[in-house]
Protein backbone atom coordinates (compact mmCIF):
# COMPACT_ATOMS: atom_id res chain seq x y z
CA MET A 1 -59.57 238.52 -60.74
CA ALA A 2 -57.59 238.25 -57.54
CA THR A 3 -59.42 238.34 -54.25
CA TYR A 4 -58.52 240.76 -51.51
CA ASN A 5 -56.78 238.02 -49.49
CA GLU A 6 -54.68 236.99 -52.51
CA PHE A 7 -53.72 240.62 -53.01
CA ILE A 8 -52.67 241.01 -49.36
CA SER A 9 -50.69 237.75 -49.47
CA ARG A 10 -48.88 238.88 -52.61
CA GLN A 11 -48.03 242.24 -51.04
CA LYS A 12 -46.73 240.54 -47.87
CA SER A 13 -44.60 238.20 -49.98
CA ARG A 14 -43.14 241.13 -51.84
CA SER A 15 -42.31 243.04 -48.68
CA LYS A 16 -40.74 239.89 -47.22
CA TRP A 17 -38.68 239.47 -50.39
CA VAL A 18 -37.47 243.08 -50.10
CA LYS A 19 -36.41 242.43 -46.49
CA GLU A 20 -34.90 238.96 -46.95
CA GLY A 21 -33.78 239.05 -50.57
CA ASP A 22 -32.90 235.70 -52.12
CA GLN A 23 -33.74 233.83 -48.93
CA ASN A 24 -37.41 234.08 -49.90
CA SER A 25 -37.15 231.72 -52.87
CA LYS A 26 -40.62 230.25 -52.19
CA TYR A 27 -42.23 233.45 -53.48
CA PHE A 28 -39.95 233.54 -56.51
CA HIS A 29 -40.69 229.93 -57.49
CA ALA A 30 -44.42 230.38 -56.94
CA LEU A 31 -44.34 233.40 -59.24
CA VAL A 32 -42.45 231.47 -61.92
CA LYS A 33 -44.94 228.60 -61.75
CA TRP A 34 -47.87 231.03 -62.00
CA ARG A 35 -46.37 232.71 -65.08
CA ARG A 36 -45.72 229.35 -66.75
CA LYS A 37 -49.37 228.42 -66.34
CA LYS A 38 -50.39 231.67 -68.04
CA MET A 39 -48.06 231.15 -71.04
CA PHE A 40 -49.45 230.51 -74.48
CA LYS A 41 -48.22 226.99 -75.35
CA GLY A 42 -49.51 226.36 -78.86
CA VAL A 43 -52.44 226.15 -81.27
CA GLN A 44 -54.33 223.41 -83.03
CA LYS A 45 -53.89 223.52 -86.81
CA GLU A 46 -55.82 221.12 -89.02
CA GLY A 47 -56.24 218.62 -86.20
CA ARG A 48 -52.60 218.65 -85.02
CA TRP A 49 -51.01 220.53 -82.12
CA VAL A 50 -48.41 223.14 -83.16
CA GLU A 51 -45.88 224.47 -80.62
CA ASN A 52 -43.28 226.05 -82.92
CA PRO A 53 -43.40 229.84 -82.25
CA ASN A 54 -43.01 230.76 -85.94
CA GLU A 55 -45.89 228.47 -86.96
CA ILE A 56 -48.03 229.82 -84.11
CA LYS A 57 -47.42 233.40 -85.28
CA LYS A 58 -48.39 232.46 -88.85
CA GLU A 59 -51.58 230.73 -87.68
CA VAL A 60 -52.64 233.60 -85.42
CA LYS A 61 -51.96 236.16 -88.18
CA ALA A 62 -53.88 234.08 -90.74
CA PHE A 63 -56.81 233.55 -88.36
CA PHE A 64 -57.25 237.24 -87.56
CA GLY A 65 -56.44 238.26 -91.14
CA ASN A 66 -59.31 236.11 -92.39
CA ARG A 67 -61.55 237.13 -89.53
CA PHE A 68 -61.24 240.88 -90.09
CA LYS A 69 -60.64 241.08 -93.82
CA GLU A 70 -62.83 243.60 -95.61
CA VAL A 71 -65.30 242.31 -98.16
CA ARG A 72 -64.98 244.95 -100.87
CA SER A 73 -68.13 243.97 -102.76
CA HIS A 74 -70.44 245.00 -99.90
CA ARG A 75 -69.91 248.75 -99.45
CA PRO A 76 -72.79 250.70 -97.86
CA THR A 77 -74.76 253.25 -99.83
CA LEU A 78 -77.29 255.84 -98.74
CA ASP A 79 -79.96 256.51 -101.36
CA GLY A 80 -77.41 255.67 -104.07
CA ALA A 81 -74.65 257.94 -102.69
CA ARG A 82 -71.26 256.22 -102.56
CA PHE A 83 -69.05 256.81 -99.54
CA SER A 84 -65.42 257.68 -100.19
CA GLN A 85 -62.84 255.13 -99.18
CA ILE A 86 -59.86 255.80 -96.92
CA LEU A 87 -56.60 255.18 -98.76
CA VAL A 88 -53.98 252.81 -97.33
CA GLY A 89 -51.63 255.69 -96.46
CA GLU A 90 -54.42 257.52 -94.65
CA SER A 91 -55.42 254.43 -92.68
CA ASN A 92 -51.78 253.92 -91.63
CA LEU A 93 -51.74 257.50 -90.32
CA VAL A 94 -54.90 256.85 -88.30
CA VAL A 95 -53.46 253.65 -86.83
CA ALA A 96 -50.12 255.32 -86.06
CA SER A 97 -51.81 258.25 -84.32
CA THR A 98 -54.00 255.99 -82.16
CA THR A 99 -51.04 253.88 -81.00
CA ARG A 100 -49.32 256.97 -79.59
CA ILE A 101 -52.24 257.76 -77.27
């Protein structure tokens, strides 16, 4: 979370850039450095560091896929009543409608 002084400094830099254009390259380079620090560089897979974007995507997808996968054998019941299950097509409709909000 940025402090008030950081916020004011950033706003002043932006207004200076608008006035001076490319002459204010210090702000531009500081912004680039800040963004590079925030970038996601890689993941650790089986004890080795992976930086290939395709491998990172696979690892992230596998991690969250395993983390949030439904265990079908443990469905809740209420005094023996079985709850109906949402079909795949219905769940896709729910997800699609929530992404439009």
